[in-house]
Amino acid sequence: MSERTITTVEELDALPIGSVVLRHGRAFQRFGPRAVVFGEYKMWQCTDGGFVRSTKDGSSILPAIVIYEGSQP
């Protein structure tokens, strides 16, 4: 698969669950709906355990390079 850069929230939202993007040397994976403490669902999680916290839509990790595209269920 060739590397591609995404720059919009719409492109980010279109990535299936399991997808991984790279932003400033940090990898973020997309997760599906799940219950979390305080009801603050974050769909992108960094592999170092940190969640994308500054925006609920994930725009804080844009632009990002898609390094793995998950499969649709």
Protein backbone atom coordinates (compact mmCIF):
# COMPACT_ATOMS: atom_id res chain seq x y z
CA MET A 1 0.00 0.00 0.00
CA SER A 2 1.33 3.42 -0.85
CA GLU A 3 1.59 6.08 1.81
CA ARG A 4 -1.01 8.83 1.75
CA THR A 5 -1.48 11.96 3.78
CA ILE A 6 -4.88 13.01 5.03
CA THR A 7 -5.60 16.62 5.90
CA THR A 8 -9.31 16.84 6.76
CA VAL A 9 -11.54 15.52 9.53
CA GLU A 10 -13.77 14.00 6.84
CA GLU A 11 -10.87 11.90 5.53
CA LEU A 12 -10.00 10.88 9.08
CA ASP A 13 -13.62 9.89 9.77
CA ALA A 14 -13.69 7.77 6.62
CA LEU A 15 -10.90 5.50 7.88
CA PRO A 16 -12.19 2.17 9.19
CA ILE A 17 -11.72 0.90 12.75
CA GLY A 18 -8.22 -0.48 13.23
CA SER A 19 -6.58 2.08 10.96
CA VAL A 20 -3.31 3.63 12.11
CA VAL A 21 -2.00 7.09 11.26
CA LEU A 22 1.32 8.72 12.02
CA ARG A 23 1.62 12.31 13.26
CA HIS A 24 4.96 13.82 14.36
CA GLY A 25 6.43 10.36 14.97
CA ARG A 26 3.49 9.16 17.10
CA ALA A 27 1.16 6.41 15.90
CA PHE A 28 -2.59 6.74 16.55
CA GLN A 29 -5.05 3.88 16.09
CA ARG A 30 -8.78 4.22 15.48
CA PHE A 31 -11.12 2.43 17.87
CA GLY A 32 -14.82 1.74 17.64
CA PRO A 33 -17.57 2.86 20.00
CA ARG A 34 -17.08 1.85 23.62
CA ALA A 35 -18.07 3.03 27.06
CA VAL A 36 -15.44 5.08 28.87
CA VAL A 37 -15.20 6.89 32.17
CA PHE A 38 -16.96 10.28 32.14
CA GLY A 39 -18.51 9.46 28.74
CA GLU A 40 -15.64 11.09 26.82
CA TYR A 41 -15.27 8.70 23.92
CA LYS A 42 -12.06 9.24 21.99
CA MET A 43 -11.86 7.38 18.72
CA TRP A 44 -8.10 7.85 18.19
CA GLN A 45 -5.60 6.58 20.74
CA CYS A 46 -1.83 6.92 20.66
CA THR A 47 0.17 3.74 21.02
CA ASP A 48 1.92 5.26 24.04
CA GLY A 49 -1.43 5.27 25.85
CA GLY A 50 -2.29 8.94 25.38
CA PHE A 51 -5.65 9.85 23.92
CA VAL A 52 -6.24 12.68 21.50
CA ARG A 53 -7.55 15.13 24.07
CA SER A 54 -7.65 18.56 22.45
CA THR A 55 -10.52 17.87 20.05
CA LYS A 56 -13.21 15.22 19.96
CA ASP A 57 -13.06 15.00 16.17
CA GLY A 58 -9.36 14.08 15.99
CA SER A 59 -8.33 17.22 14.10
CA SER A 60 -5.40 17.67 16.47
CA ILE A 61 -3.64 14.78 14.72
CA LEU A 62 -3.92 16.31 11.24
CA PRO A 63 -2.25 16.23 8.83
CA ALA A 64 -1.44 12.56 9.31
CA ILE A 65 0.10 9.80 7.23
CA VAL A 66 -1.97 6.63 6.91
CA ILE A 67 0.36 3.74 7.72
CA TYR A 68 -2.31 1.02 8.02
CA GLU A 69 -5.88 1.00 6.83
CA GLY A 70 -8.16 -1.27 8.84
CA SER A 71 -10.74 -3.46 7.17
CA GLN A 72 -14.42 -2.64 7.14
CA PRO A 73 -16.49 -4.99 9.34
